[in-house]
Amino acid sequence: MKNPSVVLVAANWAWLRGAREILLVGVDYRGGHPRMIEPYARAAVGWAGQYERPVPARIEAAFRQAVAAVEALGGRLVNVSPGTRLRAAPRECWHEGRHRL
């Protein structure tokens, strides 16, 4: 499977294991991520600056496609991450409604 997000790999695995309601937690695409501890703090992490920019169109498209596929098969894939910048997945508040994490 090839796609631009490890989150979609995890969602796909959850679907294949029987989950029919998938809640995305921590999928915010915002900056300000924690830093590594010494002696690793100066090592390149591979995502430097990536989350300070708008969500790339290819990632939005991949999430839109995933949401549509899950819904077409009778499931739900929603983002419950507060303050998310990802627009492609429907947003819900985890502490309201039927979601009680």
Protein backbone atom coordinates (compact mmCIF):
# COMPACT_ATOMS: atom_id res chain seq x y z
CA MET A 1 0.00 0.00 0.00
CA LYS A 2 1.36 3.39 -0.94
CA ASN A 3 -0.06 6.66 0.31
CA PRO A 4 1.20 9.94 1.80
CA SER A 5 0.12 9.32 5.42
CA VAL A 6 1.00 6.70 8.00
CA VAL A 7 -2.36 7.57 9.60
CA LEU A 8 -4.11 6.06 6.59
CA VAL A 9 -1.97 2.94 6.87
CA ALA A 10 -3.16 2.59 10.48
CA ALA A 11 -6.79 3.29 9.50
CA ASN A 12 -6.57 0.67 6.76
CA TRP A 13 -5.19 -1.86 9.25
CA ALA A 14 -8.00 -1.03 11.69
CA TRP A 15 -10.58 -1.53 8.93
CA LEU A 16 -9.06 -4.86 7.93
CA ARG A 17 -9.17 -5.94 11.60
CA GLY A 18 -12.91 -5.19 11.79
CA ALA A 19 -13.22 -1.57 12.94
CA ARG A 20 -16.17 0.14 11.26
CA GLU A 21 -15.97 3.43 13.14
CA ILE A 22 -12.51 4.95 12.98
CA LEU A 23 -11.74 8.04 15.05
CA LEU A 24 -8.57 9.90 14.16
CA VAL A 25 -6.90 11.28 17.29
CA GLY A 26 -3.88 13.58 17.13
CA VAL A 27 -4.17 14.19 13.38
CA ASP A 28 -3.84 17.94 13.59
CA TYR A 29 -1.19 18.90 10.98
CA ARG A 30 -0.04 21.83 13.08
CA GLY A 31 3.45 22.92 14.03
CA GLY A 32 5.03 22.97 17.46
CA HIS A 33 5.81 19.29 17.76
CA PRO A 34 7.94 18.14 20.68
CA ARG A 35 11.67 17.99 20.23
CA MET A 36 13.91 14.99 20.76
CA ILE A 37 16.01 14.67 23.91
CA GLU A 38 19.81 14.82 23.93
CA PRO A 39 21.87 13.46 22.29
CA TYR A 40 19.27 13.19 19.51
CA ALA A 41 17.94 16.76 19.64
CA ARG A 42 20.12 17.95 16.75
CA ALA A 43 19.40 15.00 14.46
CA ALA A 44 17.30 15.60 11.36
CA VAL A 45 13.80 14.25 11.93
CA GLY A 46 12.61 14.30 8.33
CA TRP A 47 9.54 16.41 8.98
CA ALA A 48 11.21 19.75 9.86
CA GLY A 49 8.94 22.60 8.74
CA GLN A 50 6.42 20.24 7.18
CA TYR A 51 3.62 20.91 9.67
CA GLU A 52 4.07 24.68 9.74
CA ARG A 53 2.73 24.85 6.16
CA PRO A 54 -0.81 24.12 4.94
CA VAL A 55 -1.72 20.45 4.60
CA PRO A 56 -0.44 19.31 1.18
CA ALA A 57 -3.13 18.75 -1.46
CA ARG A 58 -2.06 15.10 -1.98
CA ILE A 59 -2.69 14.38 1.73
CA GLU A 60 -6.10 16.09 1.66
CA ALA A 61 -6.97 14.07 -1.46
CA ALA A 62 -5.86 10.79 0.15
CA PHE A 63 -8.00 11.44 3.24
CA ARG A 64 -11.01 12.43 1.08
CA GLN A 65 -10.64 9.17 -0.82
CA ALA A 66 -10.33 7.15 2.40
CA VAL A 67 -13.41 8.78 3.95
CA ALA A 68 -15.43 8.10 0.79
CA ALA A 69 -14.31 4.46 0.67
CA VAL A 70 -15.13 3.82 4.33
CA GLU A 71 -18.54 5.49 3.98
CA ALA A 72 -19.30 3.53 0.78
CA LEU A 73 -18.72 0.34 2.76
CA GLY A 74 -21.01 1.43 5.61
CA GLY A 75 -18.39 2.71 8.04
CA ARG A 76 -17.30 6.05 9.45
CA LEU A 77 -13.92 7.74 9.50
CA VAL A 78 -13.90 11.03 11.43
CA ASN A 79 -11.24 13.31 12.86
CA VAL A 80 -11.68 14.10 16.57
CA SER A 81 -8.40 16.03 16.86
CA PRO A 82 -9.08 19.48 18.33
CA GLY A 83 -7.65 22.31 16.26
CA THR A 84 -6.91 20.13 13.25
CA ARG A 85 -5.97 21.77 9.96
CA LEU A 86 -6.96 18.69 7.95
CA ARG A 87 -10.17 19.54 6.07
CA ALA A 88 -10.79 16.29 4.16
CA ALA A 89 -12.04 14.17 7.08
CA PRO A 90 -15.29 15.09 8.84
CA ARG A 91 -14.66 16.65 12.25
CA GLU A 92 -16.35 15.78 15.51
CA CYS A 93 -15.68 16.52 19.16
CA TRP A 94 -14.69 13.34 21.01
CA HIS A 95 -16.30 14.47 24.26
CA GLU A 96 -19.71 15.24 22.74
CA GLY A 97 -22.31 12.90 21.31
CA ARG A 98 -21.72 9.19 21.23
CA HIS A 99 -17.91 9.27 21.47
CA ARG A 100 -16.68 8.71 25.00
CA LEU A 101 -12.96 8.04 24.91
